Amino acid sequence: MTTSKMHQLNHAHFEHKLWRNELELVAQEATFFLKTLDEYKTKTIAQSHDSLIVAEFVKQFHHFQRLTKRLLEELTVVEKEIAQGVMADNILDGEQRKDRAYLNEEMKYFESDYRETKYRFRNFIATYEPAQSLN
């Protein structure tokens, strides 16, 4: 194995490990955020606008749970392809590069969308003010 191929393989391994860790963290965070939103479902029942916002966050975090699962599965497939390439002395061939490039783009979109949703969610929680009762 050439030094260049070894460097590419090490880079791919490092990048995949980062992606896997990030996806696993998002899965845990989304579960936590959904539990938090359960509390806000009851707090916002009388407030139609806030109730709709909570419902939208629930929908988005469920989406991220599904997307995280799919990306982890795709990452596993790419890692298996690379491992098979190592065994066949065909490391990071054209198809593997295309698969990694696709996954890289998917991760960029995922990271950006998740970061934005998480920011809006935290902002909502931080600025939420329950409706005052009329007693």
N, C-alpha and C. Protein backbone atom coordinates (compact mmCIF):
# COMPACT_ATOMS: atom_id res chain seq x y z
N MET A 1 0.86 -1.17 0.00
CA MET A 1 0.00 0.00 0.00
C MET A 1 0.90 1.24 0.00
N THR A 2 0.58 2.16 -0.91
CA THR A 2 1.39 3.37 -1.01
C THR A 2 1.09 4.30 0.17
N THR A 3 2.00 5.22 0.38
CA THR A 3 1.83 6.21 1.45
C THR A 3 0.59 7.06 1.20
N SER A 4 0.36 7.41 -0.05
CA SER A 4 -0.81 8.21 -0.41
C SER A 4 -2.11 7.47 -0.09
N LYS A 5 -2.16 6.20 -0.46
CA LYS A 5 -3.36 5.39 -0.17
C LYS A 5 -3.55 5.22 1.33
N MET A 6 -2.47 5.05 2.04
CA MET A 6 -2.55 4.91 3.50
C MET A 6 -3.08 6.20 4.13
N HIS A 7 -2.60 7.33 3.63
CA HIS A 7 -3.08 8.62 4.12
C HIS A 7 -4.57 8.78 3.85
N GLN A 8 -5.01 8.43 2.64
CA GLN A 8 -6.42 8.52 2.28
C GLN A 8 -7.27 7.61 3.17
N LEU A 9 -6.77 6.43 3.41
CA LEU A 9 -7.49 5.47 4.25
C LEU A 9 -7.60 5.98 5.69
N ASN A 10 -6.52 6.51 6.22
CA ASN A 10 -6.54 7.07 7.58
C ASN A 10 -7.49 8.26 7.67
N HIS A 11 -7.48 9.11 6.65
CA HIS A 11 -8.38 10.26 6.63
C HIS A 11 -9.84 9.79 6.59
N ALA A 12 -10.12 8.82 5.74
CA ALA A 12 -11.49 8.29 5.65
C ALA A 12 -11.92 7.69 6.98
N HIS A 13 -11.05 6.94 7.60
CA HIS A 13 -11.38 6.32 8.89
C HIS A 13 -11.67 7.38 9.95
N PHE A 14 -10.83 8.39 10.01
CA PHE A 14 -11.01 9.48 10.98
C PHE A 14 -12.33 10.21 10.72
N GLU A 15 -12.58 10.53 9.46
CA GLU A 15 -13.80 11.25 9.11
C GLU A 15 -15.04 10.41 9.44
N HIS A 16 -14.99 9.14 9.14
CA HIS A 16 -16.12 8.26 9.43
C HIS A 16 -16.37 8.16 10.93
N LYS A 17 -15.30 8.12 11.69
CA LYS A 17 -15.45 8.06 13.15
C LYS A 17 -16.12 9.35 13.67
N LEU A 18 -15.71 10.49 13.14
CA LEU A 18 -16.34 11.76 13.52
C LEU A 18 -17.82 11.76 13.17
N TRP A 19 -18.14 11.33 11.95
CA TRP A 19 -19.53 11.29 11.52
C TRP A 19 -20.36 10.37 12.42
N ARG A 20 -19.83 9.19 12.68
CA ARG A 20 -20.56 8.22 13.51
C ARG A 20 -20.80 8.81 14.91
N ASN A 21 -19.77 9.40 15.50
CA ASN A 21 -19.93 10.01 16.83
C ASN A 21 -20.97 11.11 16.81
N GLU A 22 -20.91 11.94 15.77
CA GLU A 22 -21.87 13.05 15.66
C GLU A 22 -23.30 12.51 15.51
N LEU A 23 -23.48 11.53 14.66
CA LEU A 23 -24.81 10.97 14.44
C LEU A 23 -25.35 10.30 15.71
N GLU A 24 -24.50 9.61 16.42
CA GLU A 24 -24.94 8.97 17.67
C GLU A 24 -25.31 10.01 18.72
N LEU A 25 -24.57 11.11 18.78
CA LEU A 25 -24.89 12.20 19.70
C LEU A 25 -26.22 12.84 19.33
N VAL A 26 -26.43 13.08 18.05
CA VAL A 26 -27.70 13.67 17.60
C VAL A 26 -28.86 12.75 17.96
N ALA A 27 -28.69 11.46 17.79
CA ALA A 27 -29.76 10.52 18.15
C ALA A 27 -30.11 10.65 19.63
N GLN A 28 -29.10 10.76 20.48
CA GLN A 28 -29.35 10.92 21.92
C GLN A 28 -29.99 12.27 22.21
N GLU A 29 -29.48 13.32 21.58
CA GLU A 29 -30.05 14.66 21.81
C GLU A 29 -31.50 14.72 21.35
N ALA A 30 -31.80 14.17 20.19
CA ALA A 30 -33.17 14.21 19.67
C ALA A 30 -34.12 13.51 20.63
N THR A 31 -33.71 12.40 21.19
CA THR A 31 -34.54 11.69 22.17
C THR A 31 -34.78 12.58 23.39
N PHE A 32 -33.73 13.22 23.87
CA PHE A 32 -33.85 14.13 25.02
C PHE A 32 -34.77 15.31 24.69
N PHE A 33 -34.57 15.90 23.52
CA PHE A 33 -35.40 17.05 23.13
C PHE A 33 -36.86 16.66 22.99
N LEU A 34 -37.12 15.46 22.47
CA LEU A 34 -38.51 15.00 22.35
C LEU A 34 -39.16 14.81 23.72
N LYS A 35 -38.38 14.33 24.69
CA LYS A 35 -38.92 14.21 26.05
C LYS A 35 -39.22 15.60 26.63
N THR A 36 -38.35 16.53 26.36
CA THR A 36 -38.57 17.91 26.81
C THR A 36 -39.83 18.47 26.15
N LEU A 37 -40.00 18.20 24.87
CA LEU A 37 -41.17 18.70 24.16
C LEU A 37 -42.47 18.09 24.67
N ASP A 38 -42.40 16.88 25.20
CA ASP A 38 -43.59 16.27 25.81
C ASP A 38 -44.14 17.16 26.92
N GLU A 39 -43.24 17.74 27.71
CA GLU A 39 -43.65 18.64 28.78
C GLU A 39 -44.29 19.91 28.20
N TYR A 40 -43.74 20.39 27.10
CA TYR A 40 -44.25 21.62 26.50
C TYR A 40 -45.57 21.40 25.77
N LYS A 41 -45.85 20.15 25.38
CA LYS A 41 -47.15 19.87 24.76
C LYS A 41 -48.28 20.23 25.73
N THR A 42 -48.11 19.86 27.01
CA THR A 42 -49.16 20.17 27.98
C THR A 42 -49.14 21.64 28.38
N LYS A 43 -47.97 22.24 28.40
CA LYS A 43 -47.87 23.66 28.77
C LYS A 43 -48.49 24.57 27.73
N THR A 44 -48.51 24.13 26.48
CA THR A 44 -48.96 25.01 25.39
C THR A 44 -50.35 24.67 24.87
N ILE A 45 -51.06 23.79 25.54
CA ILE A 45 -52.39 23.38 25.06
C ILE A 45 -53.30 24.59 24.83
N ALA A 46 -53.28 25.55 25.72
CA ALA A 46 -54.16 26.72 25.61
C ALA A 46 -53.59 27.80 24.68
N GLN A 47 -52.41 27.59 24.16
CA GLN A 47 -51.77 28.60 23.31
C GLN A 47 -51.57 28.00 21.92
N SER A 48 -52.49 28.29 21.02
CA SER A 48 -52.47 27.63 19.72
C SER A 48 -51.16 27.88 18.96
N HIS A 49 -50.65 29.10 18.98
CA HIS A 49 -49.41 29.40 18.24
C HIS A 49 -48.24 28.58 18.79
N ASP A 50 -48.05 28.63 20.11
CA ASP A 50 -46.94 27.87 20.72
C ASP A 50 -47.15 26.36 20.57
N SER A 51 -48.39 25.94 20.63
CA SER A 51 -48.69 24.53 20.45
C SER A 51 -48.27 24.06 19.05
N LEU A 52 -48.50 24.89 18.05
CA LEU A 52 -48.08 24.55 16.68
C LEU A 52 -46.56 24.51 16.56
N ILE A 53 -45.90 25.42 17.24
CA ILE A 53 -44.43 25.44 17.23
C ILE A 53 -43.89 24.15 17.85
N VAL A 54 -44.46 23.76 18.99
CA VAL A 54 -44.03 22.52 19.65
C VAL A 54 -44.26 21.33 18.73
N ALA A 55 -45.42 21.28 18.09
CA ALA A 55 -45.72 20.18 17.17
C ALA A 55 -44.72 20.13 16.02
N GLU A 56 -44.33 21.28 15.51
CA GLU A 56 -43.35 21.32 14.42
C GLU A 56 -41.98 20.83 14.89
N PHE A 57 -41.57 21.22 16.10
CA PHE A 57 -40.30 20.71 16.63
C PHE A 57 -40.35 19.20 16.82
N VAL A 58 -41.47 18.68 17.31
CA VAL A 58 -41.62 17.23 17.47
C VAL A 58 -41.42 16.55 16.11
N LYS A 59 -42.07 17.10 15.10
CA LYS A 59 -41.95 16.54 13.75
C LYS A 59 -40.49 16.59 13.27
N GLN A 60 -39.82 17.70 13.51
CA GLN A 60 -38.44 17.85 13.06
C GLN A 60 -37.49 16.90 13.78
N PHE A 61 -37.66 16.74 15.09
CA PHE A 61 -36.76 15.85 15.82
C PHE A 61 -37.02 14.38 15.48
N HIS A 62 -38.27 14.04 15.16
CA HIS A 62 -38.55 12.68 14.66
C HIS A 62 -37.86 12.48 13.31
N HIS A 63 -37.89 13.51 12.47
CA HIS A 63 -37.20 13.45 11.19
C HIS A 63 -35.70 13.22 11.40
N PHE A 64 -35.11 13.94 12.34
CA PHE A 64 -33.68 13.77 12.59
C PHE A 64 -33.37 12.38 13.13
N GLN A 65 -34.27 11.81 13.91
CA GLN A 65 -34.05 10.44 14.38
C GLN A 65 -34.02 9.47 13.19
N ARG A 66 -34.98 9.62 12.28
CA ARG A 66 -35.02 8.74 11.10
C ARG A 66 -33.80 8.97 10.21
N LEU A 67 -33.45 10.22 10.00
CA LEU A 67 -32.32 10.56 9.15
C LEU A 67 -31.01 10.05 9.75
N THR A 68 -30.88 10.18 11.05
CA THR A 68 -29.68 9.68 11.73
C THR A 68 -29.53 8.19 11.52
N LYS A 69 -30.62 7.47 11.67
CA LYS A 69 -30.59 6.01 11.47
C LYS A 69 -30.17 5.68 10.04
N ARG A 70 -30.75 6.38 9.07
CA ARG A 70 -30.42 6.12 7.66
C ARG A 70 -28.96 6.44 7.37
N LEU A 71 -28.47 7.57 7.88
CA LEU A 71 -27.07 7.94 7.63
C LEU A 71 -26.10 6.97 8.29
N LEU A 72 -26.44 6.48 9.48
CA LEU A 72 -25.59 5.49 10.13
C LEU A 72 -25.54 4.20 9.31
N GLU A 73 -26.69 3.81 8.75
CA GLU A 73 -26.72 2.61 7.91
C GLU A 73 -25.87 2.81 6.65
N GLU A 74 -25.99 3.99 6.02
CA GLU A 74 -25.20 4.28 4.83
C GLU A 74 -23.71 4.33 5.16
N LEU A 75 -23.38 4.87 6.30
CA LEU A 75 -21.98 4.93 6.73
C LEU A 75 -21.43 3.51 6.91
N THR A 76 -22.21 2.64 7.48
CA THR A 76 -21.80 1.25 7.66
C THR A 76 -21.54 0.58 6.31
N VAL A 77 -22.39 0.84 5.33
CA VAL A 77 -22.21 0.27 3.99
C VAL A 77 -20.90 0.77 3.38
N VAL A 78 -20.65 2.06 3.48
CA VAL A 78 -19.42 2.64 2.92
C VAL A 78 -18.19 2.05 3.62
N GLU A 79 -18.27 1.90 4.94
CA GLU A 79 -17.14 1.33 5.68
C GLU A 79 -16.87 -0.11 5.26
N LYS A 80 -17.93 -0.87 5.01
CA LYS A 80 -17.76 -2.26 4.54
C LYS A 80 -17.13 -2.29 3.16
N GLU A 81 -17.56 -1.38 2.29
CA GLU A 81 -16.97 -1.31 0.95
C GLU A 81 -15.47 -1.00 1.03
N ILE A 82 -15.12 -0.09 1.89
CA ILE A 82 -13.70 0.26 2.05
C ILE A 82 -12.93 -0.93 2.60
N ALA A 83 -13.49 -1.61 3.58
CA ALA A 83 -12.82 -2.79 4.15
C ALA A 83 -12.63 -3.86 3.08
N GLN A 84 -13.63 -4.07 2.25
CA GLN A 84 -13.49 -5.04 1.17
C GLN A 84 -12.44 -4.59 0.17
N GLY A 85 -12.36 -3.27 -0.07
CA GLY A 85 -11.34 -2.73 -0.95
C GLY A 85 -9.95 -2.95 -0.40
N VAL A 86 -9.80 -2.82 0.92
CA VAL A 86 -8.49 -3.06 1.54
C VAL A 86 -8.09 -4.52 1.36
N MET A 87 -9.05 -5.40 1.57
CA MET A 87 -8.74 -6.84 1.42
C MET A 87 -8.39 -7.20 -0.02
N ALA A 88 -8.98 -6.50 -0.98
CA ALA A 88 -8.72 -6.77 -2.40
C ALA A 88 -7.62 -5.88 -2.96
N ASP A 89 -6.98 -5.10 -2.06
CA ASP A 89 -5.94 -4.15 -2.47
C ASP A 89 -6.45 -3.18 -3.54
N ASN A 90 -7.69 -2.72 -3.32
CA ASN A 90 -8.33 -1.77 -4.21
C ASN A 90 -8.96 -0.68 -3.34
N ILE A 91 -8.10 0.10 -2.71
CA ILE A 91 -8.53 1.05 -1.70
C ILE A 91 -9.05 2.33 -2.34
N LEU A 92 -10.25 2.72 -1.91
CA LEU A 92 -10.89 3.96 -2.33
C LEU A 92 -10.89 4.11 -3.84
N ASP A 93 -11.47 3.11 -4.51
CA ASP A 93 -11.61 3.19 -5.97
C ASP A 93 -12.69 4.20 -6.32
N GLY A 94 -13.01 4.31 -7.59
CA GLY A 94 -13.95 5.32 -8.06
C GLY A 94 -15.31 5.25 -7.39
N GLU A 95 -15.89 4.06 -7.27
CA GLU A 95 -17.20 3.92 -6.65
C GLU A 95 -17.15 4.30 -5.17
N GLN A 96 -16.11 3.86 -4.48
CA GLN A 96 -15.98 4.19 -3.06
C GLN A 96 -15.83 5.71 -2.88
N ARG A 97 -15.10 6.33 -3.76
CA ARG A 97 -14.94 7.79 -3.69
C ARG A 97 -16.27 8.50 -3.91
N LYS A 98 -17.05 8.00 -4.88
CA LYS A 98 -18.37 8.58 -5.14
C LYS A 98 -19.29 8.41 -3.93
N ASP A 99 -19.26 7.22 -3.34
CA ASP A 99 -20.09 6.96 -2.16
C ASP A 99 -19.70 7.86 -1.00
N ARG A 100 -18.40 8.03 -0.81
CA ARG A 100 -17.93 8.90 0.27
C ARG A 100 -18.28 10.36 -0.01
N ALA A 101 -18.16 10.79 -1.25
CA ALA A 101 -18.49 12.16 -1.62
C ALA A 101 -19.99 12.41 -1.38
N TYR A 102 -20.82 11.44 -1.75
CA TYR A 102 -22.26 11.55 -1.51
C TYR A 102 -22.54 11.65 -0.02
N LEU A 103 -21.93 10.78 0.76
CA LEU A 103 -22.14 10.79 2.21
C LEU A 103 -21.62 12.08 2.83
N ASN A 104 -20.52 12.58 2.32
CA ASN A 104 -19.97 13.85 2.80
C ASN A 104 -20.98 14.98 2.58
N GLU A 105 -21.59 15.04 1.40
CA GLU A 105 -22.60 16.07 1.12
C GLU A 105 -23.81 15.89 2.04
N GLU A 106 -24.26 14.66 2.21
CA GLU A 106 -25.39 14.38 3.09
C GLU A 106 -25.10 14.85 4.52
N MET A 107 -23.88 14.60 4.98
CA MET A 107 -23.50 15.01 6.33
C MET A 107 -23.46 16.54 6.45
N LYS A 108 -22.99 17.22 5.43
CA LYS A 108 -22.97 18.68 5.47
C LYS A 108 -24.38 19.25 5.60
N TYR A 109 -25.31 18.72 4.78
CA TYR A 109 -26.70 19.19 4.86
C TYR A 109 -27.30 18.84 6.22
N PHE A 110 -27.04 17.63 6.66
CA PHE A 110 -27.55 17.17 7.95
C PHE A 110 -27.07 18.09 9.08
N GLU A 111 -25.76 18.32 9.12
CA GLU A 111 -25.17 19.15 10.17
C GLU A 111 -25.76 20.55 10.16
N SER A 112 -25.89 21.13 8.98
CA SER A 112 -26.43 22.49 8.86
C SER A 112 -27.89 22.53 9.31
N ASP A 113 -28.70 21.61 8.82
CA ASP A 113 -30.12 21.59 9.19
C ASP A 113 -30.30 21.34 10.68
N TYR A 114 -29.54 20.40 11.22
CA TYR A 114 -29.67 20.08 12.63
C TYR A 114 -29.24 21.26 13.50
N ARG A 115 -28.13 21.88 13.13
CA ARG A 115 -27.63 23.02 13.90
C ARG A 115 -28.69 24.14 13.93
N GLU A 116 -29.32 24.41 12.79
CA GLU A 116 -30.35 25.45 12.70
C GLU A 116 -31.58 25.08 13.54
N THR A 117 -32.02 23.84 13.43
CA THR A 117 -33.19 23.40 14.20
C THR A 117 -32.90 23.45 15.69
N LYS A 118 -31.73 23.01 16.08
CA LYS A 118 -31.35 23.02 17.49
C LYS A 118 -31.28 24.45 18.01
N TYR A 119 -30.76 25.36 17.22
CA TYR A 119 -30.69 26.77 17.62
C TYR A 119 -32.09 27.33 17.84
N ARG A 120 -32.99 27.08 16.88
CA ARG A 120 -34.36 27.58 17.01
C ARG A 120 -35.07 26.95 18.20
N PHE A 121 -34.82 25.66 18.42
CA PHE A 121 -35.43 24.96 19.56
C PHE A 121 -34.95 25.58 20.88
N ARG A 122 -33.66 25.77 21.01
CA ARG A 122 -33.12 26.36 22.25
C ARG A 122 -33.65 27.78 22.45
N ASN A 123 -33.76 28.51 21.37
CA ASN A 123 -34.30 29.87 21.45
C ASN A 123 -35.75 29.84 21.91
N PHE A 124 -36.53 28.92 21.38
CA PHE A 124 -37.93 28.79 21.78
C PHE A 124 -38.02 28.47 23.27
N ILE A 125 -37.25 27.51 23.73
CA ILE A 125 -37.29 27.10 25.14
C ILE A 125 -36.84 28.27 26.04
N ALA A 126 -35.80 28.97 25.62
CA ALA A 126 -35.26 30.07 26.44
C ALA A 126 -36.22 31.25 26.53
N THR A 127 -37.01 31.47 25.49
CA THR A 127 -37.87 32.64 25.47
C THR A 127 -39.34 32.31 25.73
N TYR A 128 -39.64 31.05 25.98
CA TYR A 128 -41.03 30.64 26.17
C TYR A 128 -41.59 31.27 27.44
N GLU A 129 -42.76 31.85 27.31
CA GLU A 129 -43.48 32.41 28.46
C GLU A 129 -44.89 31.85 28.46
N PRO A 130 -45.24 31.09 29.48
CA PRO A 130 -46.58 30.53 29.53
C PRO A 130 -47.64 31.62 29.58
N ALA A 131 -48.81 31.30 29.03
CA ALA A 131 -49.92 32.26 29.06
C ALA A 131 -50.34 32.50 30.50
N GLN A 132 -50.67 33.73 30.79
CA GLN A 132 -51.13 34.09 32.14
C GLN A 132 -52.60 33.69 32.30
N SER A 133 -52.91 33.10 33.44
CA SER A 133 -54.31 32.76 33.68
C SER A 133 -55.09 34.02 34.00
N LEU A 134 -56.38 33.98 33.77
CA LEU A 134 -57.22 35.17 33.94
C LEU A 134 -57.89 35.19 35.30
N ASN A 135 -57.37 34.54 36.30
CA ASN A 135 -57.96 34.50 37.66
C ASN A 135 -57.78 35.80 38.35
